[in-house]
C-alpha atoms as a PDB file:
ATOM      1  CA  UNK A   1      14.329  -4.974  -9.317  1.00  0.00           C
ATOM      2  CA  UNK A   2      15.517  -8.584 -10.071  1.00  0.00           C
ATOM      3  CA  UNK A   3      13.502 -11.149  -9.372  1.00  0.00           C
ATOM      4  CA  UNK A   4      13.701 -15.111  -8.852  1.00  0.00           C
ATOM      5  CA  UNK A   5      11.039 -17.616  -9.404  1.00  0.00           C
ATOM      6  CA  UNK A   6       7.925 -17.465  -9.376  1.00  0.00           C
ATOM      7  CA  UNK A   7       6.398 -13.738  -8.066  1.00  0.00           C
ATOM      8  CA  UNK A   8       3.400 -12.437  -7.897  1.00  0.00           C
ATOM      9  CA  UNK A   9       2.526  -8.882  -8.946  1.00  0.00           C
ATOM     10  CA  UNK A  10       4.136  -6.319  -6.486  1.00  0.00           C
ATOM     11  CA  UNK A  11       2.408  -2.764  -5.137  1.00  0.00           C
ATOM     12  CA  UNK A  12       3.606   0.135  -2.878  1.00  0.00           C
ATOM     13  CA  UNK A  13       3.443   2.839  -1.018  1.00  0.00           C
ATOM     14  CA  UNK A  14       5.254   5.643   0.435  1.00  0.00           C
ATOM     15  CA  UNK A  15       4.848   6.895   3.797  1.00  0.00           C
ATOM     16  CA  UNK A  16       5.672   9.793   6.333  1.00  0.00           C
ATOM     17  CA  UNK A  17       6.270   9.527   9.486  1.00  0.00           C
ATOM     18  CA  UNK A  18       8.762   9.969  12.178  1.00  0.00           C
ATOM     19  CA  UNK A  19       6.178  12.728  13.847  1.00  0.00           C
ATOM     20  CA  UNK A  20       3.088  12.017  15.439  1.00  0.00           C
ATOM     21  CA  UNK A  21       1.384  14.394  12.514  1.00  0.00           C
ATOM     22  CA  UNK A  22       2.779  12.676  10.079  1.00  0.00           C
ATOM     23  CA  UNK A  23       2.101   8.832  10.930  1.00  0.00           C
ATOM     24  CA  UNK A  24      -1.616   8.671  10.146  1.00  0.00           C
ATOM     25  CA  UNK A  25      -3.190   7.091   6.443  1.00  0.00           C
ATOM     26  CA  UNK A  26      -3.897  10.310   4.982  1.00  0.00           C
ATOM     27  CA  UNK A  27       0.153  11.027   5.133  1.00  0.00           C
ATOM     28  CA  UNK A  28       1.125   7.844   2.900  1.00  0.00           C
ATOM     29  CA  UNK A  29       0.749   8.307  -0.963  1.00  0.00           C
ATOM     30  CA  UNK A  30      -1.606   5.985  -2.553  1.00  0.00           C
ATOM     31  CA  UNK A  31      -0.459   2.015  -4.112  1.00  0.00           C
ATOM     32  CA  UNK A  32       1.126   1.973  -7.176  1.00  0.00           C
ATOM     33  CA  UNK A  33       1.409  -1.603  -9.520  1.00  0.00           C
ATOM     34  CA  UNK A  34       5.266  -1.615 -10.549  1.00  0.00           C
ATOM     35  CA  UNK A  35       4.160  -3.672 -14.165  1.00  0.00           C
ATOM     36  CA  UNK A  36       2.151   0.007 -14.638  1.00  0.00           C
ATOM     37  CA  UNK A  37       6.774   0.886 -15.342  1.00  0.00           C
ATOM     38  CA  UNK A  38       7.978  -1.401 -15.725  1.00  0.00           C
ATOM     39  CA  UNK A  39       6.039  -4.166 -17.532  1.00  0.00           C
ATOM     40  CA  UNK A  40       9.114  -7.111 -17.776  1.00  0.00           C
ATOM     41  CA  UNK A  41      10.228  -6.130 -14.084  1.00  0.00           C
ATOM     42  CA  UNK A  42       9.406 -10.251 -12.935  1.00  0.00           C
ATOM     43  CA  UNK A  43      12.000 -11.407 -15.022  1.00  0.00           C
ATOM     44  CA  UNK A  44      14.394 -12.580 -13.975  1.00  0.00           C
ATOM     45  CA  UNK A  45      16.993  -9.235 -14.572  1.00  0.00           C
ATOM     46  CA  UNK A  46      18.088  -6.128 -13.109  1.00  0.00           C
ATOM     47  CA  UNK A  47      14.903  -3.423 -14.611  1.00  0.00           C
ATOM     48  CA  UNK A  48      15.631  -0.132 -13.707  1.00  0.00           C
ATOM     49  CA  UNK A  49      12.729   1.196 -12.408  1.00  0.00           C
ATOM     50  CA  UNK A  50      11.471   4.999 -12.374  1.00  0.00           C
ATOM     51  CA  UNK A  51       7.272   6.559 -10.732  1.00  0.00           C
ATOM     52  CA  UNK A  52       6.923   9.763 -10.716  1.00  0.00           C
ATOM     53  CA  UNK A  53       6.883  10.884  -7.231  1.00  0.00           C
ATOM     54  CA  UNK A  54       3.497  12.221  -8.748  1.00  0.00           C
ATOM     55  CA  UNK A  55       1.988   9.621  -9.567  1.00  0.00           C
ATOM     56  CA  UNK A  56       2.097   8.613  -5.337  1.00  0.00           C
ATOM     57  CA  UNK A  57       1.259  11.576  -3.937  1.00  0.00           C
ATOM     58  CA  UNK A  58      -2.418  11.752  -2.021  1.00  0.00           C
ATOM     59  CA  UNK A  59      -4.372  15.141  -2.862  1.00  0.00           C
ATOM     60  CA  UNK A  60      -3.942  16.337   0.348  1.00  0.00           C
ATOM     61  CA  UNK A  61      -1.474  16.043   3.798  1.00  0.00           C
ATOM     62  CA  UNK A  62       1.718  13.473   1.103  1.00  0.00           C
ATOM     63  CA  UNK A  63       5.239  15.769   1.934  1.00  0.00           C
ATOM     64  CA  UNK A  64       7.762  13.628   0.129  1.00  0.00           C
ATOM     65  CA  UNK A  65      10.216  15.168   2.632  1.00  0.00           C
ATOM     66  CA  UNK A  66       9.170  13.368   5.320  1.00  0.00           C
ATOM     67  CA  UNK A  67       9.293  10.356   3.637  1.00  0.00           C
ATOM     68  CA  UNK A  68      10.314   6.981   5.862  1.00  0.00           C
ATOM     69  CA  UNK A  69       9.090   3.959   5.549  1.00  0.00           C
ATOM     70  CA  UNK A  70       8.378   2.831   1.913  1.00  0.00           C
ATOM     71  CA  UNK A  71       5.805  -0.691   1.907  1.00  0.00           C
ATOM     72  CA  UNK A  72       5.452  -3.365  -1.010  1.00  0.00           C
ATOM     73  CA  UNK A  73       2.721  -5.068  -1.391  1.00  0.00           C
ATOM     74  CA  UNK A  74       1.949  -8.766  -2.571  1.00  0.00           C
ATOM     75  CA  UNK A  75      -0.852  -9.153  -5.473  1.00  0.00           C
ATOM     76  CA  UNK A  76      -1.289 -12.885  -5.930  1.00  0.00           C
ATOM     77  CA  UNK A  77      -0.006 -15.872  -5.515  1.00  0.00           C
ATOM     78  CA  UNK A  78       3.445 -16.562  -5.479  1.00  0.00           C
ATOM     79  CA  UNK A  79       6.944 -18.303  -3.607  1.00  0.00           C
ATOM     80  CA  UNK A  80       9.877 -16.428  -5.682  1.00  0.00           C
ATOM     81  CA  UNK A  81      12.163 -13.326  -3.934  1.00  0.00           C
ATOM     82  CA  UNK A  82      12.995  -9.680  -5.434  1.00  0.00           C
ATOM     83  CA  UNK A  83      15.895  -7.418  -4.568  1.00  0.00           C
ATOM     84  CA  UNK A  84      15.851  -3.964  -4.444  1.00  0.00           C
ATOM     85  CA  UNK A  85      19.024  -2.005  -4.839  1.00  0.00           C
ATOM     86  CA  UNK A  86      19.777   1.841  -5.221  1.00  0.00           C
ATOM     87  CA  UNK A  87      16.800   3.695  -4.142  1.00  0.00           C
ATOM     88  CA  UNK A  88      16.274   7.277  -4.343  1.00  0.00           C
ATOM     89  CA  UNK A  89      13.530  10.031  -4.870  1.00  0.00           C
ATOM     90  CA  UNK A  90      14.052  12.266  -7.036  1.00  0.00           C
ATOM     91  CA  UNK A  91      11.823  15.934  -7.546  1.00  0.00           C
ATOM     92  CA  UNK A  92      10.832  16.997 -10.844  1.00  0.00           C
ATOM     93  CA  UNK A  93      14.007  18.727 -11.699  1.00  0.00           C
ATOM     94  CA  UNK A  94      15.902  14.944 -11.438  1.00  0.00           C
ATOM     95  CA  UNK A  95      17.051  16.980  -8.117  1.00  0.00           C
ATOM     96  CA  UNK A  96      17.958  13.983  -4.940  1.00  0.00           C
ATOM     97  CA  UNK A  97      15.924  14.771  -2.559  1.00  0.00           C
ATOM     98  CA  UNK A  98      17.318  15.382   0.685  1.00  0.00           C
END
């Protein structure tokens, strides 16, 4: 993650879509704040931000095998940009999810 200019705090979550049974709010994760996992994420340099999947899960209905989308939320004022590169989802044993 890299930012340019003045950016507001950012949150994101994951959504399970692709079938009517998954496209419901109870199959989406809770939002997490990027700064919780990388406090200096918005200093204009590239940062690796690692968020454990367990921090994104809801108590029921979320299935990480069916993640189809990420949502990003701006939590305040800002007119800058952010850039994402090399996104990966890993399970607890550090194996890439398929």
